[in-house]
Amino acid sequence: MMKKITVKVNDKSVVVPEGVTVAAAVYMAGETAFRKSVSGQLRSPVCGMGICYECRVQIDNQPHQLACRQLCREGMEIRTL
């Protein structure tokens, strides 16, 4: 049985399987927009491997983290947009 952990996405507690990426946790929380472009367009991951930079989020108060390259940790706080 896979261990579950709890993270917060935009102040919403989400239970996810241990080892899941932050990008997956954001989607599991029901969010589809990860950030806004300079012109204000909503953006979300394109490549899923850290090349497009569209998955940037704030993790534990650290901005511009690549959600598709980070694994969730118990108690992690994630902010989109």
PDB file of N, CA and C in Angstrom:
ATOM      1  N   MET A   1       0.844  -1.189   0.000  1.00  0.00           N
ATOM      2  CA  MET A   1       0.000   0.000   0.000  1.00  0.00           C
ATOM      3  C   MET A   1       0.886   1.249   0.000  1.00  0.00           C
ATOM      4  N   MET A   2       0.543   2.197  -0.858  1.00  0.00           N
ATOM      5  CA  MET A   2       1.336   3.407  -1.001  1.00  0.00           C
ATOM      6  C   MET A   2       1.045   4.383   0.139  1.00  0.00           C
ATOM      7  N   LYS A   3       2.093   4.937   0.703  1.00  0.00           N
ATOM      8  CA  LYS A   3       1.961   5.910   1.773  1.00  0.00           C
ATOM      9  C   LYS A   3       1.364   7.208   1.220  1.00  0.00           C
ATOM     10  N   LYS A   4       0.509   7.844   2.002  1.00  0.00           N
ATOM     11  CA  LYS A   4      -0.095   9.120   1.618  1.00  0.00           C
ATOM     12  C   LYS A   4       0.507  10.234   2.465  1.00  0.00           C
ATOM     13  N   ILE A   5       0.637  11.406   1.873  1.00  0.00           N
ATOM     14  CA  ILE A   5       1.102  12.591   2.596  1.00  0.00           C
ATOM     15  C   ILE A   5       0.129  13.729   2.322  1.00  0.00           C
ATOM     16  N   THR A   6       0.210  14.757   3.146  1.00  0.00           N
ATOM     17  CA  THR A   6      -0.663  15.917   2.981  1.00  0.00           C
ATOM     18  C   THR A   6       0.177  17.141   2.642  1.00  0.00           C
ATOM     19  N   VAL A   7      -0.237  17.850   1.595  1.00  0.00           N
ATOM     20  CA  VAL A   7       0.384  19.119   1.205  1.00  0.00           C
ATOM     21  C   VAL A   7      -0.724  20.161   1.136  1.00  0.00           C
ATOM     22  N   LYS A   8      -0.338  21.417   1.078  1.00  0.00           N
ATOM     23  CA  LYS A   8      -1.322  22.492   0.900  1.00  0.00           C
ATOM     24  C   LYS A   8      -1.093  23.150  -0.447  1.00  0.00           C
ATOM     25  N   VAL A   9      -2.162  23.278  -1.202  1.00  0.00           N
ATOM     26  CA  VAL A   9      -2.128  23.975  -2.481  1.00  0.00           C
ATOM     27  C   VAL A   9      -3.072  25.159  -2.355  1.00  0.00           C
ATOM     28  N   ASN A  10      -2.517  26.368  -2.379  1.00  0.00           N
ATOM     29  CA  ASN A  10      -3.315  27.588  -2.206  1.00  0.00           C
ATOM     30  C   ASN A  10      -4.204  27.480  -0.964  1.00  0.00           C
ATOM     31  N   ASP A  11      -3.607  27.036   0.144  1.00  0.00           N
ATOM     32  CA  ASP A  11      -4.256  26.898   1.457  1.00  0.00           C
ATOM     33  C   ASP A  11      -5.268  25.757   1.546  1.00  0.00           C
ATOM     34  N   LYS A  12      -5.372  24.937   0.521  1.00  0.00           N
ATOM     35  CA  LYS A  12      -6.271  23.784   0.531  1.00  0.00           C
ATOM     36  C   LYS A  12      -5.447  22.524   0.809  1.00  0.00           C
ATOM     37  N   SER A  13      -5.811  21.774   1.847  1.00  0.00           N
ATOM     38  CA  SER A  13      -5.114  20.527   2.152  1.00  0.00           C
ATOM     39  C   SER A  13      -5.473  19.468   1.121  1.00  0.00           C
ATOM     40  N   VAL A  14      -4.435  18.804   0.617  1.00  0.00           N
ATOM     41  CA  VAL A  14      -4.620  17.774  -0.407  1.00  0.00           C
ATOM     42  C   VAL A  14      -3.797  16.547   0.012  1.00  0.00           C
ATOM     43  N   VAL A  15      -4.425  15.394   0.020  1.00  0.00           N
ATOM     44  CA  VAL A  15      -3.734  14.148   0.324  1.00  0.00           C
ATOM     45  C   VAL A  15      -3.298  13.534  -1.002  1.00  0.00           C
ATOM     46  N   VAL A  16      -1.987  13.261  -1.101  1.00  0.00           N
ATOM     47  CA  VAL A  16      -1.414  12.728  -2.344  1.00  0.00           C
ATOM     48  C   VAL A  16      -0.536  11.531  -2.018  1.00  0.00           C
ATOM     49  N   PRO A  17      -0.310  10.654  -2.997  1.00  0.00           N
ATOM     50  CA  PRO A  17       0.621   9.544  -2.766  1.00  0.00           C
ATOM     51  C   PRO A  17       2.047  10.072  -2.600  1.00  0.00           C
ATOM     52  N   GLU A  18       2.791   9.477  -1.697  1.00  0.00           N
ATOM     53  CA  GLU A  18       4.194   9.849  -1.532  1.00  0.00           C
ATOM     54  C   GLU A  18       4.921   9.619  -2.854  1.00  0.00           C
ATOM     55  N   GLY A  19       5.771  10.555  -3.260  1.00  0.00           N
ATOM     56  CA  GLY A  19       6.538  10.430  -4.498  1.00  0.00           C
ATOM     57  C   GLY A  19       5.916  11.124  -5.688  1.00  0.00           C
ATOM     58  N   VAL A  20       4.736  11.724  -5.509  1.00  0.00           N
ATOM     59  CA  VAL A  20       4.081  12.431  -6.610  1.00  0.00           C
ATOM     60  C   VAL A  20       4.720  13.809  -6.784  1.00  0.00           C
ATOM     61  N   THR A  21       4.708  14.324  -8.000  1.00  0.00           N
ATOM     62  CA  THR A  21       5.288  15.647  -8.239  1.00  0.00           C
ATOM     63  C   THR A  21       4.355  16.746  -7.749  1.00  0.00           C
ATOM     64  N   VAL A  22       4.932  17.911  -7.555  1.00  0.00           N
ATOM     65  CA  VAL A  22       4.140  19.080  -7.167  1.00  0.00           C
ATOM     66  C   VAL A  22       3.124  19.399  -8.260  1.00  0.00           C
ATOM     67  N   ALA A  23       3.498  19.255  -9.516  1.00  0.00           N
ATOM     68  CA  ALA A  23       2.562  19.519 -10.616  1.00  0.00           C
ATOM     69  C   ALA A  23       1.334  18.621 -10.506  1.00  0.00           C
ATOM     70  N   ALA A  24       1.542  17.344 -10.231  1.00  0.00           N
ATOM     71  CA  ALA A  24       0.425  16.418 -10.079  1.00  0.00           C
ATOM     72  C   ALA A  24      -0.443  16.813  -8.887  1.00  0.00           C
ATOM     73  N   ALA A  25       0.183  17.230  -7.790  1.00  0.00           N
ATOM     74  CA  ALA A  25      -0.574  17.640  -6.604  1.00  0.00           C
ATOM     75  C   ALA A  25      -1.429  18.871  -6.901  1.00  0.00           C
ATOM     76  N   VAL A  26      -0.889  19.796  -7.679  1.00  0.00           N
ATOM     77  CA  VAL A  26      -1.655  20.989  -8.049  1.00  0.00           C
ATOM     78  C   VAL A  26      -2.899  20.583  -8.835  1.00  0.00           C
ATOM     79  N   TYR A  27      -2.731  19.695  -9.795  1.00  0.00           N
ATOM     80  CA  TYR A  27      -3.881  19.198 -10.560  1.00  0.00           C
ATOM     81  C   TYR A  27      -4.854  18.439  -9.662  1.00  0.00           C
ATOM     82  N   MET A  28      -4.331  17.640  -8.727  1.00  0.00           N
ATOM     83  CA  MET A  28      -5.200  16.898  -7.807  1.00  0.00           C
ATOM     84  C   MET A  28      -6.016  17.837  -6.922  1.00  0.00           C
ATOM     85  N   ALA A  29      -5.490  19.042  -6.695  1.00  0.00           N
ATOM     86  CA  ALA A  29      -6.205  20.040  -5.898  1.00  0.00           C
ATOM     87  C   ALA A  29      -7.274  20.759  -6.717  1.00  0.00           C
ATOM     88  N   GLY A  30      -7.356  20.432  -8.006  1.00  0.00           N
ATOM     89  CA  GLY A  30      -8.366  21.049  -8.857  1.00  0.00           C
ATOM     90  C   GLY A  30      -7.933  22.323  -9.540  1.00  0.00           C
ATOM     91  N   GLU A  31      -6.657  22.645  -9.432  1.00  0.00           N
ATOM     92  CA  GLU A  31      -6.132  23.855 -10.074  1.00  0.00           C
ATOM     93  C   GLU A  31      -5.678  23.514 -11.493  1.00  0.00           C
ATOM     94  N   THR A  32      -5.906  24.422 -12.422  1.00  0.00           N
ATOM     95  CA  THR A  32      -5.436  24.202 -13.791  1.00  0.00           C
ATOM     96  C   THR A  32      -4.452  25.272 -14.239  1.00  0.00           C
ATOM     97  N   ALA A  33      -4.450  26.416 -13.604  1.00  0.00           N
ATOM     98  CA  ALA A  33      -3.504  27.490 -13.938  1.00  0.00           C
ATOM     99  C   ALA A  33      -2.414  27.530 -12.874  1.00  0.00           C
ATOM    100  N   PHE A  34      -1.171  27.490 -13.314  1.00  0.00           N
ATOM    101  CA  PHE A  34      -0.038  27.488 -12.395  1.00  0.00           C
ATOM    102  C   PHE A  34       0.531  28.888 -12.179  1.00  0.00           C
ATOM    103  N   ARG A  35       0.501  29.697 -13.230  1.00  0.00           N
ATOM    104  CA  ARG A  35       1.071  31.048 -13.150  1.00  0.00           C
ATOM    105  C   ARG A  35       0.404  31.927 -14.187  1.00  0.00           C
ATOM    106  N   LYS A  36       0.759  33.215 -14.174  1.00  0.00           N
ATOM    107  CA  LYS A  36       0.302  34.158 -15.192  1.00  0.00           C
ATOM    108  C   LYS A  36       1.515  34.644 -15.970  1.00  0.00           C
ATOM    109  N   SER A  37       1.332  34.811 -17.273  1.00  0.00           N
ATOM    110  CA  SER A  37       2.411  35.359 -18.092  1.00  0.00           C
ATOM    111  C   SER A  37       2.536  36.859 -17.811  1.00  0.00           C
ATOM    112  N   VAL A  38       3.549  37.471 -18.372  1.00  0.00           N
ATOM    113  CA  VAL A  38       3.753  38.914 -18.202  1.00  0.00           C
ATOM    114  C   VAL A  38       2.533  39.690 -18.674  1.00  0.00           C
ATOM    115  N   SER A  39       1.853  39.192 -19.712  1.00  0.00           N
ATOM    116  CA  SER A  39       0.666  39.879 -20.239  1.00  0.00           C
ATOM    117  C   SER A  39      -0.619  39.473 -19.517  1.00  0.00           C
ATOM    118  N   GLY A  40      -0.509  38.580 -18.507  1.00  0.00           N
ATOM    119  CA  GLY A  40      -1.668  38.206 -17.715  1.00  0.00           C
ATOM    120  C   GLY A  40      -2.373  36.931 -18.139  1.00  0.00           C
ATOM    121  N   GLN A  41      -1.851  36.239 -19.157  1.00  0.00           N
ATOM    122  CA  GLN A  41      -2.464  34.986 -19.593  1.00  0.00           C
ATOM    123  C   GLN A  41      -2.185  33.889 -18.579  1.00  0.00           C
ATOM    124  N   LEU A  42      -3.195  33.037 -18.337  1.00  0.00           N
ATOM    125  CA  LEU A  42      -3.018  31.908 -17.442  1.00  0.00           C
ATOM    126  C   LEU A  42      -2.180  30.850 -18.140  1.00  0.00           C
ATOM    127  N   ARG A  43      -1.233  30.274 -17.413  1.00  0.00           N
ATOM    128  CA  ARG A  43      -0.299  29.299 -17.984  1.00  0.00           C
ATOM    129  C   ARG A  43      -0.319  28.022 -17.148  1.00  0.00           C
ATOM    130  N   SER A  44      -0.041  26.896 -17.800  1.00  0.00           N
ATOM    131  CA  SER A  44       0.071  25.614 -17.123  1.00  0.00           C
ATOM    132  C   SER A  44       1.149  24.788 -17.828  1.00  0.00           C
ATOM    133  N   PRO A  45       1.595  23.691 -17.205  1.00  0.00           N
ATOM    134  CA  PRO A  45       2.695  22.914 -17.779  1.00  0.00           C
ATOM    135  C   PRO A  45       2.424  22.453 -19.206  1.00  0.00           C
ATOM    136  N   VAL A  46       3.488  22.445 -20.000  1.00  0.00           N
ATOM    137  CA  VAL A  46       3.416  21.980 -21.382  1.00  0.00           C
ATOM    138  C   VAL A  46       4.252  20.707 -21.540  1.00  0.00           C
ATOM    139  N   CYS A  47       5.486  20.737 -21.053  1.00  0.00           N
ATOM    140  CA  CYS A  47       6.406  19.632 -21.334  1.00  0.00           C
ATOM    141  C   CYS A  47       6.429  18.541 -20.264  1.00  0.00           C
ATOM    142  N   GLY A  48       6.211  18.899 -19.003  1.00  0.00           N
ATOM    143  CA  GLY A  48       6.247  17.920 -17.929  1.00  0.00           C
ATOM    144  C   GLY A  48       7.632  17.457 -17.522  1.00  0.00           C
ATOM    145  N   MET A  49       8.679  18.151 -18.020  1.00  0.00           N
ATOM    146  CA  MET A  49      10.041  17.746 -17.648  1.00  0.00           C
ATOM    147  C   MET A  49      10.972  18.920 -17.370  1.00  0.00           C
ATOM    148  N   GLY A  50      10.418  20.114 -17.130  1.00  0.00           N
ATOM    149  CA  GLY A  50      11.222  21.242 -16.687  1.00  0.00           C
ATOM    150  C   GLY A  50      11.890  22.063 -17.757  1.00  0.00           C
ATOM    151  N   ILE A  51      11.493  21.903 -19.011  1.00  0.00           N
ATOM    152  CA  ILE A  51      12.112  22.672 -20.091  1.00  0.00           C
ATOM    153  C   ILE A  51      11.298  23.923 -20.430  1.00  0.00           C
ATOM    154  N   CYS A  52       9.981  23.835 -20.351  1.00  0.00           N
ATOM    155  CA  CYS A  52       9.127  24.951 -20.781  1.00  0.00           C
ATOM    156  C   CYS A  52       8.988  26.050 -19.725  1.00  0.00           C
ATOM    157  N   TYR A  53       9.218  25.746 -18.464  1.00  0.00           N
ATOM    158  CA  TYR A  53       9.128  26.695 -17.348  1.00  0.00           C
ATOM    159  C   TYR A  53       7.709  27.223 -17.098  1.00  0.00           C
ATOM    160  N   GLU A  54       6.713  26.608 -17.687  1.00  0.00           N
ATOM    161  CA  GLU A  54       5.332  27.054 -17.493  1.00  0.00           C
ATOM    162  C   GLU A  54       4.732  26.555 -16.181  1.00  0.00           C
ATOM    163  N   CYS A  55       5.410  25.651 -15.505  1.00  0.00           N
ATOM    164  CA  CYS A  55       4.882  25.064 -14.274  1.00  0.00           C
ATOM    165  C   CYS A  55       5.396  25.768 -13.016  1.00  0.00           C
ATOM    166  N   ARG A  56       5.987  26.933 -13.171  1.00  0.00           N
ATOM    167  CA  ARG A  56       6.584  27.611 -12.015  1.00  0.00           C
ATOM    168  C   ARG A  56       5.533  27.964 -10.970  1.00  0.00           C
ATOM    169  N   VAL A  57       5.843  27.609  -9.714  1.00  0.00           N
ATOM    170  CA  VAL A  57       4.983  27.896  -8.575  1.00  0.00           C
ATOM    171  C   VAL A  57       5.863  28.331  -7.411  1.00  0.00           C
ATOM    172  N   GLN A  58       5.219  28.758  -6.345  1.00  0.00           N
ATOM    173  CA  GLN A  58       5.934  29.068  -5.110  1.00  0.00           C
ATOM    174  C   GLN A  58       5.818  27.853  -4.194  1.00  0.00           C
ATOM    175  N   ILE A  59       6.945  27.358  -3.696  1.00  0.00           N
ATOM    176  CA  ILE A  59       6.962  26.222  -2.787  1.00  0.00           C
ATOM    177  C   ILE A  59       7.649  26.651  -1.499  1.00  0.00           C
ATOM    178  N   ASP A  60       6.924  26.542  -0.392  1.00  0.00           N
ATOM    179  CA  ASP A  60       7.461  26.935   0.915  1.00  0.00           C
ATOM    180  C   ASP A  60       8.127  28.312   0.857  1.00  0.00           C
ATOM    181  N   ASN A  61       7.407  29.264   0.284  1.00  0.00           N
ATOM    182  CA  ASN A  61       7.824  30.673   0.159  1.00  0.00           C
ATOM    183  C   ASN A  61       8.992  30.903  -0.794  1.00  0.00           C
ATOM    184  N   GLN A  62       9.368  29.902  -1.581  1.00  0.00           N
ATOM    185  CA  GLN A  62      10.434  30.060  -2.574  1.00  0.00           C
ATOM    186  C   GLN A  62       9.788  30.169  -3.959  1.00  0.00           C
ATOM    187  N   PRO A  63       9.855  31.355  -4.593  1.00  0.00           N
ATOM    188  CA  PRO A  63       9.204  31.534  -5.901  1.00  0.00           C
ATOM    189  C   PRO A  63       9.950  30.831  -7.033  1.00  0.00           C
ATOM    190  N   HIS A  64       9.259  30.683  -8.140  1.00  0.00           N
ATOM    191  CA  HIS A  64       9.820  30.182  -9.406  1.00  0.00           C
ATOM    192  C   HIS A  64      10.379  28.758  -9.326  1.00  0.00           C
ATOM    193  N   GLN A  65       9.720  27.907  -8.553  1.00  0.00           N
ATOM    194  CA  GLN A  65      10.113  26.498  -8.468  1.00  0.00           C
ATOM    195  C   GLN A  65       9.398  25.722  -9.566  1.00  0.00           C
ATOM    196  N   LEU A  66      10.080  24.803 -10.192  1.00  0.00           N
ATOM    197  CA  LEU A  66       9.485  24.001 -11.260  1.00  0.00           C
ATOM    198  C   LEU A  66       8.677  22.852 -10.646  1.00  0.00           C
ATOM    199  N   ALA A  67       7.361  22.940 -10.771  1.00  0.00           N
ATOM    200  CA  ALA A  67       6.456  21.971 -10.143  1.00  0.00           C
ATOM    201  C   ALA A  67       6.619  20.568 -10.707  1.00  0.00           C
ATOM    202  N   CYS A  68       7.000  20.454 -11.960  1.00  0.00           N
ATOM    203  CA  CYS A  68       7.124  19.120 -12.566  1.00  0.00           C
ATOM    204  C   CYS A  68       8.423  18.433 -12.163  1.00  0.00           C
ATOM    205  N   ARG A  69       9.346  19.165 -11.556  1.00  0.00           N
ATOM    206  CA  ARG A  69      10.646  18.593 -11.183  1.00  0.00           C
ATOM    207  C   ARG A  69      10.799  18.371  -9.684  1.00  0.00           C
ATOM    208  N   GLN A  70       9.803  18.798  -8.903  1.00  0.00           N
ATOM    209  CA  GLN A  70       9.863  18.691  -7.445  1.00  0.00           C
ATOM    210  C   GLN A  70       8.914  17.611  -6.952  1.00  0.00           C
ATOM    211  N   LEU A  71       9.367  16.780  -6.033  1.00  0.00           N
ATOM    212  CA  LEU A  71       8.496  15.793  -5.408  1.00  0.00           C
ATOM    213  C   LEU A  71       7.889  16.397  -4.144  1.00  0.00           C
ATOM    214  N   CYS A  72       6.662  16.045  -3.870  1.00  0.00           N
ATOM    215  CA  CYS A  72       5.971  16.546  -2.681  1.00  0.00           C
ATOM    216  C   CYS A  72       6.600  15.982  -1.415  1.00  0.00           C
ATOM    217  N   ARG A  73       6.589  16.801  -0.363  1.00  0.00           N
ATOM    218  CA  ARG A  73       7.006  16.408   0.977  1.00  0.00           C
ATOM    219  C   ARG A  73       5.853  16.697   1.922  1.00  0.00           C
ATOM    220  N   GLU A  74       5.765  15.933   2.982  1.00  0.00           N
ATOM    221  CA  GLU A  74       4.733  16.159   3.990  1.00  0.00           C
ATOM    222  C   GLU A  74       4.775  17.614   4.449  1.00  0.00           C
ATOM    223  N   GLY A  75       3.608  18.267   4.446  1.00  0.00           N
ATOM    224  CA  GLY A  75       3.492  19.635   4.944  1.00  0.00           C
ATOM    225  C   GLY A  75       3.916  20.723   3.971  1.00  0.00           C
ATOM    226  N   MET A  76       4.310  20.367   2.762  1.00  0.00           N
ATOM    227  CA  MET A  76       4.749  21.349   1.772  1.00  0.00           C
ATOM    228  C   MET A  76       3.613  22.330   1.474  1.00  0.00           C
ATOM    229  N   GLU A  77       3.965  23.598   1.321  1.00  0.00           N
ATOM    230  CA  GLU A  77       2.987  24.625   0.980  1.00  0.00           C
ATOM    231  C   GLU A  77       3.271  25.145  -0.423  1.00  0.00           C
ATOM    232  N   ILE A  78       2.273  25.003  -1.287  1.00  0.00           N
ATOM    233  CA  ILE A  78       2.410  25.337  -2.702  1.00  0.00           C
ATOM    234  C   ILE A  78       1.434  26.451  -3.051  1.00  0.00           C
ATOM    235  N   ARG A  79       1.922  27.432  -3.783  1.00  0.00           N
ATOM    236  CA  ARG A  79       1.056  28.530  -4.250  1.00  0.00           C
ATOM    237  C   ARG A  79       1.210  28.676  -5.748  1.00  0.00           C
ATOM    238  N   THR A  80       0.064  28.771  -6.416  1.00  0.00           N
ATOM    239  CA  THR A  80       0.058  29.003  -7.853  1.00  0.00           C
ATOM    240  C   THR A  80      -0.217  30.485  -8.101  1.00  0.00           C
ATOM    241  N   LEU A  81      -0.110  30.881  -9.361  1.00  0.00           N
ATOM    242  CA  LEU A  81      -0.367  32.246  -9.824  1.00  0.00           C
ATOM    243  C   LEU A  81       0.456  33.220  -9.029  1.00  0.00           C
TER     244      LEU A  81
END
